[in-house]
Amino acid sequence: MDPFKGQGGIQMLLTAEQEAQHIISNARNLRTQRLKQAKEEAEKEAAQYRSHMEDEYQNSISETTGTSGSNVKRLEEETEAKIKLLKKSTSDVSSKVVEMLLKCVTNIKI
């Protein structure tokens, strides 16, 4: 048996092992890159879905409550109407209050 022939076989095995490690390393790197890419795509898709659902929610709220501008206008009109009603009722009652006060002040009890 030739001693160099055994060395050549071992060298071939070492070379094959190194090539296998290189292939495995490349496969792991590719898998890691693909996982990162898949994660980014999933996050992007989730953000789009979240944005879409938020838009739908805001639309449903605005449909049921009306637009904020119309709500503000409606509230202002209701407030003005209530203020006018209060002013009218105070002007109606103020003369009666003054009359009652004068009666109490001028009515002397002995």
C-alpha atoms as a PDB file:
ATOM      1  CA  MET A   1       0.000   0.000   0.000  1.00  0.00           C
ATOM      2  CA  ASP A   2       1.312   3.367  -1.004  1.00  0.00           C
ATOM      3  CA  PRO A   3       1.551   5.818   1.937  1.00  0.00           C
ATOM      4  CA  PHE A   4       0.821   8.808  -0.323  1.00  0.00           C
ATOM      5  CA  LYS A   5      -2.356   7.202  -1.599  1.00  0.00           C
ATOM      6  CA  GLY A   6      -3.839   7.269   1.928  1.00  0.00           C
ATOM      7  CA  GLN A   7      -2.836  10.907   2.301  1.00  0.00           C
ATOM      8  CA  GLY A   8      -4.632  11.768  -0.941  1.00  0.00           C
ATOM      9  CA  GLY A   9      -7.832  10.109   0.298  1.00  0.00           C
ATOM     10  CA  ILE A  10      -7.700  12.008   3.586  1.00  0.00           C
ATOM     11  CA  GLN A  11      -7.021  15.240   1.721  1.00  0.00           C
ATOM     12  CA  MET A  12     -10.036  14.566  -0.523  1.00  0.00           C
ATOM     13  CA  LEU A  13     -12.192  13.962   2.558  1.00  0.00           C
ATOM     14  CA  LEU A  14     -10.995  17.192   4.194  1.00  0.00           C
ATOM     15  CA  THR A  15     -11.669  19.138   1.009  1.00  0.00           C
ATOM     16  CA  ALA A  16     -15.133  17.593   0.715  1.00  0.00           C
ATOM     17  CA  GLU A  17     -15.841  18.438   4.379  1.00  0.00           C
ATOM     18  CA  GLN A  18     -14.757  22.046   3.846  1.00  0.00           C
ATOM     19  CA  GLU A  19     -16.978  22.317   0.773  1.00  0.00           C
ATOM     20  CA  ALA A  20     -19.892  20.862   2.743  1.00  0.00           C
ATOM     21  CA  GLN A  21     -19.319  23.359   5.566  1.00  0.00           C
ATOM     22  CA  HIS A  22     -19.203  26.170   3.009  1.00  0.00           C
ATOM     23  CA  ILE A  23     -22.475  24.997   1.439  1.00  0.00           C
ATOM     24  CA  ILE A  24     -24.117  24.700   4.867  1.00  0.00           C
ATOM     25  CA  SER A  25     -22.867  28.144   5.860  1.00  0.00           C
ATOM     26  CA  ASN A  26     -24.254  29.665   2.656  1.00  0.00           C
ATOM     27  CA  ALA A  27     -27.577  27.901   3.199  1.00  0.00           C
ATOM     28  CA  ARG A  28     -27.803  29.239   6.766  1.00  0.00           C
ATOM     29  CA  ASN A  29     -27.004  32.757   5.567  1.00  0.00           C
ATOM     30  CA  LEU A  30     -29.630  32.519   2.845  1.00  0.00           C
ATOM     31  CA  ARG A  31     -32.177  31.189   5.352  1.00  0.00           C
ATOM     32  CA  THR A  32     -31.417  34.051   7.753  1.00  0.00           C
ATOM     33  CA  GLN A  33     -31.791  36.597   4.964  1.00  0.00           C
ATOM     34  CA  ARG A  34     -35.078  35.034   3.864  1.00  0.00           C
ATOM     35  CA  LEU A  35     -36.390  35.038   7.451  1.00  0.00           C
ATOM     36  CA  LYS A  36     -35.516  38.734   7.783  1.00  0.00           C
ATOM     37  CA  GLN A  37     -37.194  39.462   4.467  1.00  0.00           C
ATOM     38  CA  ALA A  38     -40.292  37.487   5.465  1.00  0.00           C
ATOM     39  CA  LYS A  39     -40.437  39.337   8.796  1.00  0.00           C
ATOM     40  CA  GLU A  40     -40.201  42.711   7.058  1.00  0.00           C
ATOM     41  CA  GLU A  41     -42.921  41.714   4.579  1.00  0.00           C
ATOM     42  CA  ALA A  42     -45.166  40.519   7.413  1.00  0.00           C
ATOM     43  CA  GLU A  43     -44.633  43.750   9.369  1.00  0.00           C
ATOM     44  CA  LYS A  44     -45.397  45.810   6.255  1.00  0.00           C
ATOM     45  CA  GLU A  45     -48.534  43.791   5.556  1.00  0.00           C
ATOM     46  CA  ALA A  46     -49.645  44.088   9.193  1.00  0.00           C
ATOM     47  CA  ALA A  47     -49.114  47.857   9.097  1.00  0.00           C
ATOM     48  CA  GLN A  48     -51.159  48.136   5.898  1.00  0.00           C
ATOM     49  CA  TYR A  49     -53.948  46.035   7.398  1.00  0.00           C
ATOM     50  CA  ARG A  50     -53.880  48.078  10.623  1.00  0.00           C
ATOM     51  CA  SER A  51     -54.054  51.303   8.603  1.00  0.00           C
ATOM     52  CA  HIS A  52     -56.927  49.946   6.518  1.00  0.00           C
ATOM     53  CA  MET A  53     -58.885  48.890   9.600  1.00  0.00           C
ATOM     54  CA  GLU A  54     -58.233  52.254  11.283  1.00  0.00           C
ATOM     55  CA  ASP A  55     -59.555  54.053   8.190  1.00  0.00           C
ATOM     56  CA  GLU A  56     -62.679  51.878   8.183  1.00  0.00           C
ATOM     57  CA  TYR A  57     -63.191  52.545  11.886  1.00  0.00           C
ATOM     58  CA  GLN A  58     -62.814  56.296  11.433  1.00  0.00           C
ATOM     59  CA  ASN A  59     -65.251  56.197   8.504  1.00  0.00           C
ATOM     60  CA  SER A  60     -67.816  54.268  10.530  1.00  0.00           C
ATOM     61  CA  ILE A  61     -67.478  56.732  13.406  1.00  0.00           C
ATOM     62  CA  SER A  62     -67.869  59.733  11.111  1.00  0.00           C
ATOM     63  CA  GLU A  63     -70.932  58.142   9.459  1.00  0.00           C
ATOM     64  CA  THR A  64     -72.667  57.527  12.776  1.00  0.00           C
ATOM     65  CA  THR A  65     -71.761  60.819  14.430  1.00  0.00           C
ATOM     66  CA  GLY A  66     -71.402  63.084  11.414  1.00  0.00           C
ATOM     67  CA  THR A  67     -68.360  65.119  10.588  1.00  0.00           C
ATOM     68  CA  SER A  68     -66.718  67.024  13.381  1.00  0.00           C
ATOM     69  CA  GLY A  69     -67.369  70.374  11.678  1.00  0.00           C
ATOM     70  CA  SER A  70     -71.110  69.755  11.511  1.00  0.00           C
ATOM     71  CA  ASN A  71     -71.118  68.580  15.142  1.00  0.00           C
ATOM     72  CA  VAL A  72     -69.395  71.745  16.275  1.00  0.00           C
ATOM     73  CA  LYS A  73     -71.829  73.898  14.309  1.00  0.00           C
ATOM     74  CA  ARG A  74     -74.812  71.987  15.693  1.00  0.00           C
ATOM     75  CA  LEU A  75     -73.508  72.315  19.260  1.00  0.00           C
ATOM     76  CA  GLU A  76     -72.924  76.038  18.812  1.00  0.00           C
ATOM     77  CA  GLU A  77     -76.485  76.501  17.535  1.00  0.00           C
ATOM     78  CA  GLU A  78     -77.922  74.525  20.459  1.00  0.00           C
ATOM     79  CA  THR A  79     -75.831  76.537  22.915  1.00  0.00           C
ATOM     80  CA  GLU A  80     -76.984  79.848  21.423  1.00  0.00           C
ATOM     81  CA  ALA A  81     -80.607  78.712  21.596  1.00  0.00           C
ATOM     82  CA  LYS A  82     -80.225  77.754  25.267  1.00  0.00           C
ATOM     83  CA  ILE A  83     -78.535  81.068  26.080  1.00  0.00           C
ATOM     84  CA  LYS A  84     -81.390  82.992  24.431  1.00  0.00           C
ATOM     85  CA  LEU A  85     -83.932  80.929  26.380  1.00  0.00           C
ATOM     86  CA  LEU A  86     -82.119  81.620  29.664  1.00  0.00           C
ATOM     87  CA  LYS A  87     -81.900  85.349  28.939  1.00  0.00           C
ATOM     88  CA  LYS A  88     -85.619  85.466  28.116  1.00  0.00           C
ATOM     89  CA  SER A  89     -86.585  83.571  31.269  1.00  0.00           C
ATOM     90  CA  THR A  90     -84.376  85.796  33.455  1.00  0.00           C
ATOM     91  CA  SER A  91     -85.858  88.964  31.966  1.00  0.00           C
ATOM     92  CA  ASP A  92     -89.376  87.576  32.572  1.00  0.00           C
ATOM     93  CA  VAL A  93     -88.592  86.628  36.167  1.00  0.00           C
ATOM     94  CA  SER A  94     -86.439  89.634  37.078  1.00  0.00           C
ATOM     95  CA  SER A  95     -89.402  92.014  37.297  1.00  0.00           C
ATOM     96  CA  LYS A  96     -91.235  89.556  39.558  1.00  0.00           C
ATOM     97  CA  VAL A  97     -88.170  89.179  41.786  1.00  0.00           C
ATOM     98  CA  VAL A  98     -87.785  92.943  42.131  1.00  0.00           C
ATOM     99  CA  GLU A  99     -91.467  93.230  43.008  1.00  0.00           C
ATOM    100  CA  MET A 100     -91.160  90.502  45.679  1.00  0.00           C
ATOM    101  CA  LEU A 101     -88.091  92.144  47.174  1.00  0.00           C
ATOM    102  CA  LEU A 102     -89.833  95.513  47.345  1.00  0.00           C
ATOM    103  CA  LYS A 103     -92.808  93.911  49.062  1.00  0.00           C
ATOM    104  CA  CYS A 104     -90.566  92.260  51.633  1.00  0.00           C
ATOM    105  CA  VAL A 105     -88.618  95.436  52.298  1.00  0.00           C
ATOM    106  CA  THR A 106     -91.615  97.718  52.497  1.00  0.00           C
ATOM    107  CA  ASN A 107     -93.788  95.365  54.531  1.00  0.00           C
ATOM    108  CA  ILE A 108     -93.167  96.234  58.170  1.00  0.00           C
ATOM    109  CA  LYS A 109     -94.277  93.823  60.862  1.00  0.00           C
ATOM    110  CA  ILE A 110     -94.757  95.023  64.351  1.00  0.00           C
END
